[in-house]
Structures are given as C-alpha cells and as structure tokens.
C-alpha cells in the first residue's frame, strides 16, 4: 500500500524524478452480496518536509515497568532556530566548552553520582542542573509550531492491550510503531512529509544503523489498509536510527522521555514529581485508558486522570 517509484520512462529510459505511483482506490467485497466495491483512498500533495527526532526511556520499580517514546520536531524551515536555541542554552550554562562537544543526557545530569563521573558535568551542582532544566522547558514551551509527542506504555497494561504485547520488548515495539504512525497521520494531513530520526540503541562507528525490530514494526504497519489513510499517498521514508544526541532535537526528546518516565516512577513510589510535564506546554500524549483502548490527548499537562497507570 506504499507509493512505488517508476523504474522507466518511455523506451526504457531510467526514471529519477519525484513522481510516484500511489494507490487511490482499493477493492473491498460486500459481506452481503460478495460484489467488489471500490473504496476511495485519500491523497495529499507534498507541500513541505517535517523533521522529527525521538528518544526513549524506561523505568522499573520492581513491581511496575514503563516504556516511553518521545518525538520532538517541526517544519524543516523551523529546525535551525530550535537548534540555535539549544546551542545558546548550552553555551550559557557551560561557556568553557563548545556546545557541539558535549551532549545533554538526563540520566547523566540528574544523578549526583553520575555527574561526578562525567567529563563535563563533574563541576556542576544542583542549581546548575535546575538552570539547564528551566532553559529546556522554556524552549519546549515557547517555540511556536513545535510538535511534541509522547507515548507511555506500562507493564500493567499487558493483557489489556493487543495480544502481541507480551513482555517489555513488545512494549517498546508497540510504543514505537504507534507513535510513528500517529506522527505520519498528523504531518501528512498538513501536506508534510515526515522524516523521523531516533537515537540508536547502542554505540556504533556508523552514523546511521538499521534496527531490525524497528524495520519489521514499520514495514508491518505499511502492509495494512489503514496505512494508506495515514500516509495519504505521500512516500514516508523509513525512520532512521542515528548517533545518540547528534542533533539538538534529540537532546530535547531525551529530556521529554526522561521526565515522563520519572513521573511514572515517582507516582508509583508515592513521591512528589520534581519536573511537571505541564511545563512542556502543548503536547500530544498517547496512552491506554483503563479499558485497554489507545487514547490520544493534545493538551497541557499529563492526562493522569485518563491514562491507566
């Protein structure tokens, strides 16, 4: 059901242009008379390109487990401004080191033990961390036309959600593909072709790697009729896994995932939440309700009252 690039023009001349064959109708059989009926499929013209960057986080308190993916992105024309905002913040908080030489990883920043072992954060104290967090929240909250997505899946939803969610690995796969399909739907509806980048799971000498499980999950989604309604005839590049924190928006996505995962952990521990997702500003949250159905809420503040924990 995905677009197909033509191989040749007339007279077997190789074709390298932008055109694609896209499905505009499909046949469905009437359950009553068995006659084939034609179902029109939506199509959109590509007007722009969106760049979206994602990262994951997970927490386990011994009884509960949460896996969360977050995506942060915008129209490609706006991305350089977001990059500059993150670089300026890093320069302000650590003027002695060029911002491109060090990465924002919340697991290294938040823990005093981890900070002391870090080549950049070793001299930082808690007020420095608080200043950086306030700056990141300001960027997320104040950047116009910034899209923030988060999908959290918890272990107590195994059995309520689709049958193939059986363990922590399946939680990861499910969160990944559902979030990607949601982004495809929202961007193509606006005539934007989404280009999606995730932090690779393990360090690699290559700047880009193929994650077999992610490719299988993405291509599986493309084989369903629903995909044509989400993609709207727009060719969607396969999401890429790149060097961790190699783009400022990946650093923002790491921050969003860390905050949401930690909120779940602190809630289970019956402890106060240190960083409130409300400070992200408008965010699209996906999760399961108490009946096991997926819900999507675009709002300010995490929908704790609606999502199953």
C-alpha atoms as a PDB file:
ATOM      1  CA  UNK A   1       0.000   0.000   0.000  1.00  0.00           C
ATOM      2  CA  UNK A   2       3.046   2.279  -0.136  1.00  0.00           C
ATOM      3  CA  UNK A   3       3.985   4.551  -3.081  1.00  0.00           C
ATOM      4  CA  UNK A   4       6.076   2.933  -5.810  1.00  0.00           C
ATOM      5  CA  UNK A   5       8.776   4.785  -7.729  1.00  0.00           C
ATOM      6  CA  UNK A   6       8.588   4.282 -11.527  1.00  0.00           C
ATOM      7  CA  UNK A   7      11.597   2.459 -12.941  1.00  0.00           C
ATOM      8  CA  UNK A   8      11.411   3.723 -16.501  1.00  0.00           C
ATOM      9  CA  UNK A   9      10.043   6.378 -18.786  1.00  0.00           C
ATOM     10  CA  UNK A  10       9.124   5.561 -22.355  1.00  0.00           C
ATOM     11  CA  UNK A  11      11.635   3.492 -24.329  1.00  0.00           C
ATOM     12  CA  UNK A  12      13.033   2.006 -21.095  1.00  0.00           C
ATOM     13  CA  UNK A  13      14.798   5.217 -20.098  1.00  0.00           C
ATOM     14  CA  UNK A  14      15.552   5.096 -16.314  1.00  0.00           C
ATOM     15  CA  UNK A  15      13.368   7.485 -14.318  1.00  0.00           C
ATOM     16  CA  UNK A  16      14.815   9.559 -11.440  1.00  0.00           C
ATOM     17  CA  UNK A  17      12.105  12.165 -10.934  1.00  0.00           C
ATOM     18  CA  UNK A  18       9.871  12.882  -7.934  1.00  0.00           C
ATOM     19  CA  UNK A  19       6.703  11.164  -9.202  1.00  0.00           C
ATOM     20  CA  UNK A  20       5.340   8.008  -7.581  1.00  0.00           C
ATOM     21  CA  UNK A  21       2.540   5.560  -8.267  1.00  0.00           C
ATOM     22  CA  UNK A  22       0.184   5.769  -5.306  1.00  0.00           C
ATOM     23  CA  UNK A  23      -3.000   3.793  -4.583  1.00  0.00           C
ATOM     24  CA  UNK A  24      -6.153   5.891  -4.939  1.00  0.00           C
ATOM     25  CA  UNK A  25      -8.756   3.088  -4.836  1.00  0.00           C
ATOM     26  CA  UNK A  26      -8.946  -0.358  -3.368  1.00  0.00           C
ATOM     27  CA  UNK A  27     -11.490  -3.134  -3.809  1.00  0.00           C
ATOM     28  CA  UNK A  28     -13.492  -4.468  -0.916  1.00  0.00           C
ATOM     29  CA  UNK A  29     -16.055  -7.244  -1.087  1.00  0.00           C
ATOM     30  CA  UNK A  30     -19.564  -6.584   0.162  1.00  0.00           C
ATOM     31  CA  UNK A  31     -20.274  -9.036   3.023  1.00  0.00           C
ATOM     32  CA  UNK A  32     -23.871  -9.416   1.845  1.00  0.00           C
ATOM     33  CA  UNK A  33     -23.659  -9.818  -1.951  1.00  0.00           C
ATOM     34  CA  UNK A  34     -19.921 -10.569  -2.363  1.00  0.00           C
ATOM     35  CA  UNK A  35     -19.678  -7.970  -5.120  1.00  0.00           C
ATOM     36  CA  UNK A  36     -16.488  -5.939  -5.295  1.00  0.00           C
ATOM     37  CA  UNK A  37     -16.865  -2.279  -4.370  1.00  0.00           C
ATOM     38  CA  UNK A  38     -14.301   0.468  -4.921  1.00  0.00           C
ATOM     39  CA  UNK A  39     -13.169   2.374  -1.846  1.00  0.00           C
ATOM     40  CA  UNK A  40     -11.549   5.756  -2.487  1.00  0.00           C
ATOM     41  CA  UNK A  41      -8.264   6.374  -0.653  1.00  0.00           C
ATOM     42  CA  UNK A  42      -7.138   9.860   0.431  1.00  0.00           C
ATOM     43  CA  UNK A  43      -4.194  11.581  -1.236  1.00  0.00           C
ATOM     44  CA  UNK A  44      -2.339  14.762  -0.399  1.00  0.00           C
ATOM     45  CA  UNK A  45       0.244  16.750  -2.316  1.00  0.00           C
ATOM     46  CA  UNK A  46       3.569  17.206  -0.549  1.00  0.00           C
ATOM     47  CA  UNK A  47       3.869  20.869   0.398  1.00  0.00           C
ATOM     48  CA  UNK A  48       6.772  20.748   2.828  1.00  0.00           C
ATOM     49  CA  UNK A  49       9.015  18.470   4.858  1.00  0.00           C
ATOM     50  CA  UNK A  50       8.894  17.884   8.594  1.00  0.00           C
ATOM     51  CA  UNK A  51      11.847  16.760  10.724  1.00  0.00           C
ATOM     52  CA  UNK A  52      11.022  14.791  13.866  1.00  0.00           C
ATOM     53  CA  UNK A  53      13.502  13.453  16.437  1.00  0.00           C
ATOM     54  CA  UNK A  54      12.858  10.745  19.004  1.00  0.00           C
ATOM     55  CA  UNK A  55      14.292   9.022  22.041  1.00  0.00           C
ATOM     56  CA  UNK A  56      13.086   6.543  24.639  1.00  0.00           C
ATOM     57  CA  UNK A  57      13.271   5.994  28.377  1.00  0.00           C
ATOM     58  CA  UNK A  58      12.139   3.244  30.722  1.00  0.00           C
ATOM     59  CA  UNK A  59      11.843   2.793  34.470  1.00  0.00           C
ATOM     60  CA  UNK A  60      11.287  -0.222  36.706  1.00  0.00           C
ATOM     61  CA  UNK A  61      10.497  -0.061  40.414  1.00  0.00           C
ATOM     62  CA  UNK A  62      10.475  -3.832  40.870  1.00  0.00           C
ATOM     63  CA  UNK A  63       6.695  -4.056  40.578  1.00  0.00           C
ATOM     64  CA  UNK A  64       5.851  -1.761  37.680  1.00  0.00           C
ATOM     65  CA  UNK A  65       7.570  -1.038  34.382  1.00  0.00           C
ATOM     66  CA  UNK A  66       7.073   1.873  31.972  1.00  0.00           C
ATOM     67  CA  UNK A  67       8.455   2.291  28.462  1.00  0.00           C
ATOM     68  CA  UNK A  68       8.060   5.662  26.820  1.00  0.00           C
ATOM     69  CA  UNK A  69       8.996   7.158  23.463  1.00  0.00           C
ATOM     70  CA  UNK A  70       9.001  10.876  22.740  1.00  0.00           C
ATOM     71  CA  UNK A  71       9.276  12.814  19.498  1.00  0.00           C
ATOM     72  CA  UNK A  72      10.089  16.493  19.047  1.00  0.00           C
ATOM     73  CA  UNK A  73      10.014  18.205  15.668  1.00  0.00           C
ATOM     74  CA  UNK A  74       8.716  20.870  13.334  1.00  0.00           C
ATOM     75  CA  UNK A  75       8.682  22.040   9.741  1.00  0.00           C
ATOM     76  CA  UNK A  76      12.227  21.759   8.364  1.00  0.00           C
ATOM     77  CA  UNK A  77      12.420  25.541   7.979  1.00  0.00           C
ATOM     78  CA  UNK A  78      11.997  25.983  11.749  1.00  0.00           C
ATOM     79  CA  UNK A  79      14.554  23.394  12.860  1.00  0.00           C
ATOM     80  CA  UNK A  80      17.634  25.673  12.570  1.00  0.00           C
ATOM     81  CA  UNK A  81      16.028  28.127  15.013  1.00  0.00           C
ATOM     82  CA  UNK A  82      15.399  25.319  17.510  1.00  0.00           C
ATOM     83  CA  UNK A  83      18.988  24.139  17.095  1.00  0.00           C
ATOM     84  CA  UNK A  84      20.244  27.652  17.826  1.00  0.00           C
ATOM     85  CA  UNK A  85      18.097  27.877  20.973  1.00  0.00           C
ATOM     86  CA  UNK A  86      19.524  24.645  22.388  1.00  0.00           C
ATOM     87  CA  UNK A  87      23.094  25.600  21.470  1.00  0.00           C
ATOM     88  CA  UNK A  88      22.691  29.031  23.083  1.00  0.00           C
ATOM     89  CA  UNK A  89      21.390  27.466  26.277  1.00  0.00           C
ATOM     90  CA  UNK A  90      24.335  25.067  26.400  1.00  0.00           C
ATOM     91  CA  UNK A  91      26.759  27.928  25.814  1.00  0.00           C
ATOM     92  CA  UNK A  92      25.231  29.937  28.656  1.00  0.00           C
ATOM     93  CA  UNK A  93      25.383  27.112  31.158  1.00  0.00           C
ATOM     94  CA  UNK A  94      28.844  25.885  30.088  1.00  0.00           C
ATOM     95  CA  UNK A  95      30.714  28.696  28.280  1.00  0.00           C
ATOM     96  CA  UNK A  96      34.066  26.940  28.554  1.00  0.00           C
ATOM     97  CA  UNK A  97      33.109  24.171  26.117  1.00  0.00           C
ATOM     98  CA  UNK A  98      31.623  24.462  22.594  1.00  0.00           C
ATOM     99  CA  UNK A  99      28.029  23.183  22.679  1.00  0.00           C
ATOM    100  CA  UNK A 100      28.668  20.657  19.908  1.00  0.00           C
ATOM    101  CA  UNK A 101      31.321  18.892  22.021  1.00  0.00           C
ATOM    102  CA  UNK A 102      29.003  17.702  24.775  1.00  0.00           C
ATOM    103  CA  UNK A 103      25.568  16.093  24.894  1.00  0.00           C
ATOM    104  CA  UNK A 104      22.552  16.527  27.132  1.00  0.00           C
ATOM    105  CA  UNK A 105      21.655  13.189  28.725  1.00  0.00           C
ATOM    106  CA  UNK A 106      19.320  13.487  31.674  1.00  0.00           C
ATOM    107  CA  UNK A 107      20.471  10.243  33.256  1.00  0.00           C
ATOM    108  CA  UNK A 108      23.963  11.764  33.484  1.00  0.00           C
ATOM    109  CA  UNK A 109      22.707  15.172  34.594  1.00  0.00           C
ATOM    110  CA  UNK A 110      20.145  14.292  37.237  1.00  0.00           C
ATOM    111  CA  UNK A 111      22.099  11.878  39.371  1.00  0.00           C
ATOM    112  CA  UNK A 112      24.794  13.449  41.520  1.00  0.00           C
ATOM    113  CA  UNK A 113      26.760  10.199  41.335  1.00  0.00           C
ATOM    114  CA  UNK A 114      26.668  10.192  37.515  1.00  0.00           C
ATOM    115  CA  UNK A 115      27.535  13.892  37.329  1.00  0.00           C
ATOM    116  CA  UNK A 116      30.701  13.409  39.342  1.00  0.00           C
ATOM    117  CA  UNK A 117      31.936  10.845  36.800  1.00  0.00           C
ATOM    118  CA  UNK A 118      31.034  12.929  33.747  1.00  0.00           C
ATOM    119  CA  UNK A 119      33.789  14.952  31.997  1.00  0.00           C
ATOM    120  CA  UNK A 120      31.525  17.995  31.559  1.00  0.00           C
ATOM    121  CA  UNK A 121      29.075  17.789  34.445  1.00  0.00           C
ATOM    122  CA  UNK A 122      31.559  16.903  37.208  1.00  0.00           C
ATOM    123  CA  UNK A 123      31.816  20.525  38.371  1.00  0.00           C
ATOM    124  CA  UNK A 124      28.068  21.147  38.238  1.00  0.00           C
ATOM    125  CA  UNK A 125      25.883  21.326  41.310  1.00  0.00           C
ATOM    126  CA  UNK A 126      22.098  21.060  41.599  1.00  0.00           C
ATOM    127  CA  UNK A 127      21.432  24.775  40.862  1.00  0.00           C
ATOM    128  CA  UNK A 128      23.309  24.386  37.555  1.00  0.00           C
ATOM    129  CA  UNK A 129      21.101  21.427  36.647  1.00  0.00           C
ATOM    130  CA  UNK A 130      17.975  23.347  37.642  1.00  0.00           C
ATOM    131  CA  UNK A 131      19.028  26.261  35.435  1.00  0.00           C
ATOM    132  CA  UNK A 132      19.515  23.959  32.462  1.00  0.00           C
ATOM    133  CA  UNK A 133      16.158  22.238  33.026  1.00  0.00           C
ATOM    134  CA  UNK A 134      14.395  25.598  33.245  1.00  0.00           C
ATOM    135  CA  UNK A 135      16.001  26.556  29.932  1.00  0.00           C
ATOM    136  CA  UNK A 136      14.928  23.327  28.219  1.00  0.00           C
ATOM    137  CA  UNK A 137      11.360  23.752  29.463  1.00  0.00           C
ATOM    138  CA  UNK A 138      11.333  27.318  28.165  1.00  0.00           C
ATOM    139  CA  UNK A 139      12.432  26.157  24.697  1.00  0.00           C
ATOM    140  CA  UNK A 140       9.737  23.466  24.577  1.00  0.00           C
ATOM    141  CA  UNK A 141       7.033  25.758  25.904  1.00  0.00           C
ATOM    142  CA  UNK A 142       7.806  28.895  23.919  1.00  0.00           C
ATOM    143  CA  UNK A 143       8.823  27.615  20.482  1.00  0.00           C
ATOM    144  CA  UNK A 144       5.966  28.240  18.078  1.00  0.00           C
ATOM    145  CA  UNK A 145       4.741  25.367  15.877  1.00  0.00           C
ATOM    146  CA  UNK A 146       6.860  22.835  17.756  1.00  0.00           C
ATOM    147  CA  UNK A 147       5.322  19.359  17.867  1.00  0.00           C
ATOM    148  CA  UNK A 148       5.909  17.277  20.987  1.00  0.00           C
ATOM    149  CA  UNK A 149       4.661  13.670  21.173  1.00  0.00           C
ATOM    150  CA  UNK A 150       4.856  11.109  23.955  1.00  0.00           C
ATOM    151  CA  UNK A 151       3.572   7.542  24.219  1.00  0.00           C
ATOM    152  CA  UNK A 152       3.975   5.690  27.519  1.00  0.00           C
ATOM    153  CA  UNK A 153       3.111   2.002  27.947  1.00  0.00           C
ATOM    154  CA  UNK A 154       3.202   0.331  31.359  1.00  0.00           C
ATOM    155  CA  UNK A 155       3.577  -3.302  32.368  1.00  0.00           C
ATOM    156  CA  UNK A 156       0.152  -3.491  33.996  1.00  0.00           C
ATOM    157  CA  UNK A 157      -1.345  -2.932  30.542  1.00  0.00           C
ATOM    158  CA  UNK A 158      -0.048  -6.302  29.315  1.00  0.00           C
ATOM    159  CA  UNK A 159      -3.167  -8.397  28.805  1.00  0.00           C
ATOM    160  CA  UNK A 160      -5.396  -5.365  28.252  1.00  0.00           C
ATOM    161  CA  UNK A 161      -3.612  -4.147  25.139  1.00  0.00           C
ATOM    162  CA  UNK A 162      -3.384  -6.163  21.866  1.00  0.00           C
ATOM    163  CA  UNK A 163      -2.452  -9.789  22.380  1.00  0.00           C
ATOM    164  CA  UNK A 164       1.042  -9.480  20.929  1.00  0.00           C
ATOM    165  CA  UNK A 165       2.156  -7.203  23.767  1.00  0.00           C
ATOM    166  CA  UNK A 166       3.606  -9.902  25.983  1.00  0.00           C
ATOM    167  CA  UNK A 167       6.738  -8.500  27.593  1.00  0.00           C
ATOM    168  CA  UNK A 168       8.963  -5.436  27.863  1.00  0.00           C
ATOM    169  CA  UNK A 169      10.331  -5.862  24.336  1.00  0.00           C
ATOM    170  CA  UNK A 170       6.834  -5.858  22.909  1.00  0.00           C
ATOM    171  CA  UNK A 171       6.031  -2.747  24.947  1.00  0.00           C
ATOM    172  CA  UNK A 172       8.922  -0.999  23.221  1.00  0.00           C
ATOM    173  CA  UNK A 173       7.864  -2.189  19.752  1.00  0.00           C
ATOM    174  CA  UNK A 174       4.263  -1.192  20.285  1.00  0.00           C
ATOM    175  CA  UNK A 175       5.077   2.263  21.638  1.00  0.00           C
ATOM    176  CA  UNK A 176       7.454   2.845  18.725  1.00  0.00           C
ATOM    177  CA  UNK A 177       5.118   1.909  15.890  1.00  0.00           C
ATOM    178  CA  UNK A 178       2.044   3.599  17.356  1.00  0.00           C
ATOM    179  CA  UNK A 179       3.907   6.859  17.884  1.00  0.00           C
ATOM    180  CA  UNK A 180       5.418   6.764  14.374  1.00  0.00           C
ATOM    181  CA  UNK A 181       2.033   6.107  12.756  1.00  0.00           C
ATOM    182  CA  UNK A 182       0.464   8.939  14.748  1.00  0.00           C
ATOM    183  CA  UNK A 183       3.148  11.363  13.546  1.00  0.00           C
ATOM    184  CA  UNK A 184       2.684  10.208   9.945  1.00  0.00           C
ATOM    185  CA  UNK A 185      -1.047  10.845  10.236  1.00  0.00           C
ATOM    186  CA  UNK A 186      -0.678  14.357  11.678  1.00  0.00           C
ATOM    187  CA  UNK A 187       2.057  15.504   9.309  1.00  0.00           C
ATOM    188  CA  UNK A 188       0.560  14.159   6.077  1.00  0.00           C
ATOM    189  CA  UNK A 189      -2.792  15.702   6.945  1.00  0.00           C
ATOM    190  CA  UNK A 190      -0.980  19.045   6.616  1.00  0.00           C
ATOM    191  CA  UNK A 191       0.739  18.009   3.377  1.00  0.00           C
ATOM    192  CA  UNK A 192       4.097  17.495   5.123  1.00  0.00           C
ATOM    193  CA  UNK A 193       6.394  14.537   4.514  1.00  0.00           C
ATOM    194  CA  UNK A 194       7.793  13.456   7.907  1.00  0.00           C
ATOM    195  CA  UNK A 195      11.433  12.445   8.224  1.00  0.00           C
ATOM    196  CA  UNK A 196      11.875  10.695  11.567  1.00  0.00           C
ATOM    197  CA  UNK A 197      15.163  10.152  13.431  1.00  0.00           C
ATOM    198  CA  UNK A 198      15.736   8.185  16.630  1.00  0.00           C
ATOM    199  CA  UNK A 199      18.722   7.734  18.914  1.00  0.00           C
ATOM    200  CA  UNK A 200      20.360   4.415  18.112  1.00  0.00           C
ATOM    201  CA  UNK A 201      20.205   1.946  20.978  1.00  0.00           C
ATOM    202  CA  UNK A 202      23.903   1.073  21.105  1.00  0.00           C
ATOM    203  CA  UNK A 203      27.027   2.998  20.205  1.00  0.00           C
ATOM    204  CA  UNK A 204      28.244   2.386  16.665  1.00  0.00           C
ATOM    205  CA  UNK A 205      31.012   3.639  14.430  1.00  0.00           C
ATOM    206  CA  UNK A 206      28.388   4.278  11.785  1.00  0.00           C
ATOM    207  CA  UNK A 207      26.344   7.484  11.941  1.00  0.00           C
ATOM    208  CA  UNK A 208      23.213   5.544  10.945  1.00  0.00           C
ATOM    209  CA  UNK A 209      22.203   1.977  11.717  1.00  0.00           C
ATOM    210  CA  UNK A 210      19.288  -0.314  10.900  1.00  0.00           C
ATOM    211  CA  UNK A 211      17.379  -1.645  13.888  1.00  0.00           C
ATOM    212  CA  UNK A 212      15.833  -4.904  12.671  1.00  0.00           C
ATOM    213  CA  UNK A 213      12.949  -4.809  15.148  1.00  0.00           C
ATOM    214  CA  UNK A 214      12.096  -1.210  14.167  1.00  0.00           C
ATOM    215  CA  UNK A 215      12.203  -2.001  10.448  1.00  0.00           C
ATOM    216  CA  UNK A 216       9.935  -5.011  10.959  1.00  0.00           C
ATOM    217  CA  UNK A 217       7.484  -2.953  13.010  1.00  0.00           C
ATOM    218  CA  UNK A 218       7.400  -0.099  10.486  1.00  0.00           C
ATOM    219  CA  UNK A 219       7.055  -2.318   7.425  1.00  0.00           C
ATOM    220  CA  UNK A 220       4.365  -4.356   9.142  1.00  0.00           C
ATOM    221  CA  UNK A 221       2.338  -1.176   9.600  1.00  0.00           C
ATOM    222  CA  UNK A 222       2.742  -0.323   5.910  1.00  0.00           C
ATOM    223  CA  UNK A 223       1.065  -3.570   4.874  1.00  0.00           C
ATOM    224  CA  UNK A 224      -2.281  -2.628   6.364  1.00  0.00           C
ATOM    225  CA  UNK A 225      -5.068  -0.830   4.535  1.00  0.00           C
ATOM    226  CA  UNK A 226      -5.161   1.715   7.382  1.00  0.00           C
ATOM    227  CA  UNK A 227      -1.677   2.874   6.368  1.00  0.00           C
ATOM    228  CA  UNK A 228      -2.990   4.384   3.128  1.00  0.00           C
ATOM    229  CA  UNK A 229      -5.341   6.580   5.164  1.00  0.00           C
ATOM    230  CA  UNK A 230      -2.460   7.716   7.378  1.00  0.00           C
ATOM    231  CA  UNK A 231       0.141   8.314   4.640  1.00  0.00           C
ATOM    232  CA  UNK A 232      -2.357   9.861   2.181  1.00  0.00           C
ATOM    233  CA  UNK A 233      -0.306   8.851  -0.817  1.00  0.00           C
ATOM    234  CA  UNK A 234       2.860  10.520   0.497  1.00  0.00           C
ATOM    235  CA  UNK A 235       6.035   8.457   0.413  1.00  0.00           C
ATOM    236  CA  UNK A 236       7.258   8.091   4.011  1.00  0.00           C
ATOM    237  CA  UNK A 237      10.988   7.445   4.485  1.00  0.00           C
ATOM    238  CA  UNK A 238      11.790   4.667   6.917  1.00  0.00           C
ATOM    239  CA  UNK A 239      12.705   6.122  10.339  1.00  0.00           C
ATOM    240  CA  UNK A 240      16.456   6.256  10.847  1.00  0.00           C
ATOM    241  CA  UNK A 241      18.486   5.464  13.956  1.00  0.00           C
ATOM    242  CA  UNK A 242      21.399   7.864  14.313  1.00  0.00           C
ATOM    243  CA  UNK A 243      24.220   8.664  16.739  1.00  0.00           C
ATOM    244  CA  UNK A 244      22.758   9.452  20.201  1.00  0.00           C
ATOM    245  CA  UNK A 245      22.194  13.163  20.876  1.00  0.00           C
ATOM    246  CA  UNK A 246      23.700  14.025  17.472  1.00  0.00           C
ATOM    247  CA  UNK A 247      21.049  16.695  16.957  1.00  0.00           C
ATOM    248  CA  UNK A 248      19.718  19.247  19.482  1.00  0.00           C
ATOM    249  CA  UNK A 249      16.163  17.990  18.977  1.00  0.00           C
ATOM    250  CA  UNK A 250      17.308  14.505  20.004  1.00  0.00           C
ATOM    251  CA  UNK A 251      18.504  16.090  23.240  1.00  0.00           C
ATOM    252  CA  UNK A 252      15.046  17.629  23.710  1.00  0.00           C
ATOM    253  CA  UNK A 253      13.392  14.259  23.041  1.00  0.00           C
ATOM    254  CA  UNK A 254      15.679  12.620  25.616  1.00  0.00           C
ATOM    255  CA  UNK A 255      14.567  15.235  28.136  1.00  0.00           C
ATOM    256  CA  UNK A 256      10.838  14.709  27.450  1.00  0.00           C
ATOM    257  CA  UNK A 257      11.111  10.911  27.729  1.00  0.00           C
ATOM    258  CA  UNK A 258      13.164  11.133  30.906  1.00  0.00           C
ATOM    259  CA  UNK A 259      10.659  13.449  32.574  1.00  0.00           C
ATOM    260  CA  UNK A 260       7.605  11.325  31.718  1.00  0.00           C
ATOM    261  CA  UNK A 261       9.276   8.061  32.737  1.00  0.00           C
ATOM    262  CA  UNK A 262      10.437   9.575  36.024  1.00  0.00           C
ATOM    263  CA  UNK A 263       6.939  10.937  36.680  1.00  0.00           C
ATOM    264  CA  UNK A 264       5.592   7.391  36.469  1.00  0.00           C
ATOM    265  CA  UNK A 265       8.317   6.115  38.782  1.00  0.00           C
ATOM    266  CA  UNK A 266       7.746   8.857  41.372  1.00  0.00           C
ATOM    267  CA  UNK A 267       3.987   8.279  41.233  1.00  0.00           C
ATOM    268  CA  UNK A 268       4.452   4.558  41.928  1.00  0.00           C
ATOM    269  CA  UNK A 269       6.818   5.412  44.781  1.00  0.00           C
ATOM    270  CA  UNK A 270       4.251   7.890  46.137  1.00  0.00           C
ATOM    271  CA  UNK A 271       6.828  10.675  45.981  1.00  0.00           C
ATOM    272  CA  UNK A 272       6.455  14.241  44.674  1.00  0.00           C
ATOM    273  CA  UNK A 273       7.092  14.816  40.969  1.00  0.00           C
ATOM    274  CA  UNK A 274      10.123  17.093  40.525  1.00  0.00           C
ATOM    275  CA  UNK A 275       9.507  18.188  36.896  1.00  0.00           C
ATOM    276  CA  UNK A 276       5.891  18.594  35.837  1.00  0.00           C
ATOM    277  CA  UNK A 277       5.101  17.744  32.165  1.00  0.00           C
ATOM    278  CA  UNK A 278       2.712  20.685  32.291  1.00  0.00           C
ATOM    279  CA  UNK A 279       5.797  22.850  31.775  1.00  0.00           C
ATOM    280  CA  UNK A 280       6.352  21.309  28.318  1.00  0.00           C
ATOM    281  CA  UNK A 281       3.429  23.337  27.029  1.00  0.00           C
ATOM    282  CA  UNK A 282       1.063  21.826  24.448  1.00  0.00           C
ATOM    283  CA  UNK A 283       1.928  18.153  23.941  1.00  0.00           C
ATOM    284  CA  UNK A 284       0.294  15.183  22.218  1.00  0.00           C
ATOM    285  CA  UNK A 285       0.101  12.298  24.692  1.00  0.00           C
ATOM    286  CA  UNK A 286      -0.798   8.747  23.710  1.00  0.00           C
ATOM    287  CA  UNK A 287      -1.561   6.000  26.178  1.00  0.00           C
ATOM    288  CA  UNK A 288      -4.093   3.408  27.265  1.00  0.00           C
ATOM    289  CA  UNK A 289      -7.260   4.109  29.145  1.00  0.00           C
ATOM    290  CA  UNK A 290      -8.381   1.809  31.953  1.00  0.00           C
ATOM    291  CA  UNK A 291     -10.234  -0.389  29.453  1.00  0.00           C
ATOM    292  CA  UNK A 292      -7.144  -1.024  27.332  1.00  0.00           C
ATOM    293  CA  UNK A 293      -8.017   1.272  24.421  1.00  0.00           C
ATOM    294  CA  UNK A 294      -5.498   3.723  22.984  1.00  0.00           C
ATOM    295  CA  UNK A 295      -6.270   7.363  23.666  1.00  0.00           C
ATOM    296  CA  UNK A 296      -4.701  10.485  22.164  1.00  0.00           C
ATOM    297  CA  UNK A 297      -4.834  13.742  24.051  1.00  0.00           C
ATOM    298  CA  UNK A 298      -3.276  17.017  22.884  1.00  0.00           C
ATOM    299  CA  UNK A 299      -3.165  19.199  25.954  1.00  0.00           C
ATOM    300  CA  UNK A 300      -1.052  20.975  28.560  1.00  0.00           C
ATOM    301  CA  UNK A 301      -0.243  18.596  31.415  1.00  0.00           C
ATOM    302  CA  UNK A 302      -0.125  14.816  31.511  1.00  0.00           C
ATOM    303  CA  UNK A 303      -3.595  13.158  31.479  1.00  0.00           C
ATOM    304  CA  UNK A 304      -3.100  11.103  34.637  1.00  0.00           C
ATOM    305  CA  UNK A 305      -6.841  11.008  35.254  1.00  0.00           C
ATOM    306  CA  UNK A 306      -7.482   9.321  31.883  1.00  0.00           C
ATOM    307  CA  UNK A 307      -4.477   7.048  31.291  1.00  0.00           C
ATOM    308  CA  UNK A 308      -4.105   3.746  33.074  1.00  0.00           C
ATOM    309  CA  UNK A 309      -1.017   3.653  35.330  1.00  0.00           C
END
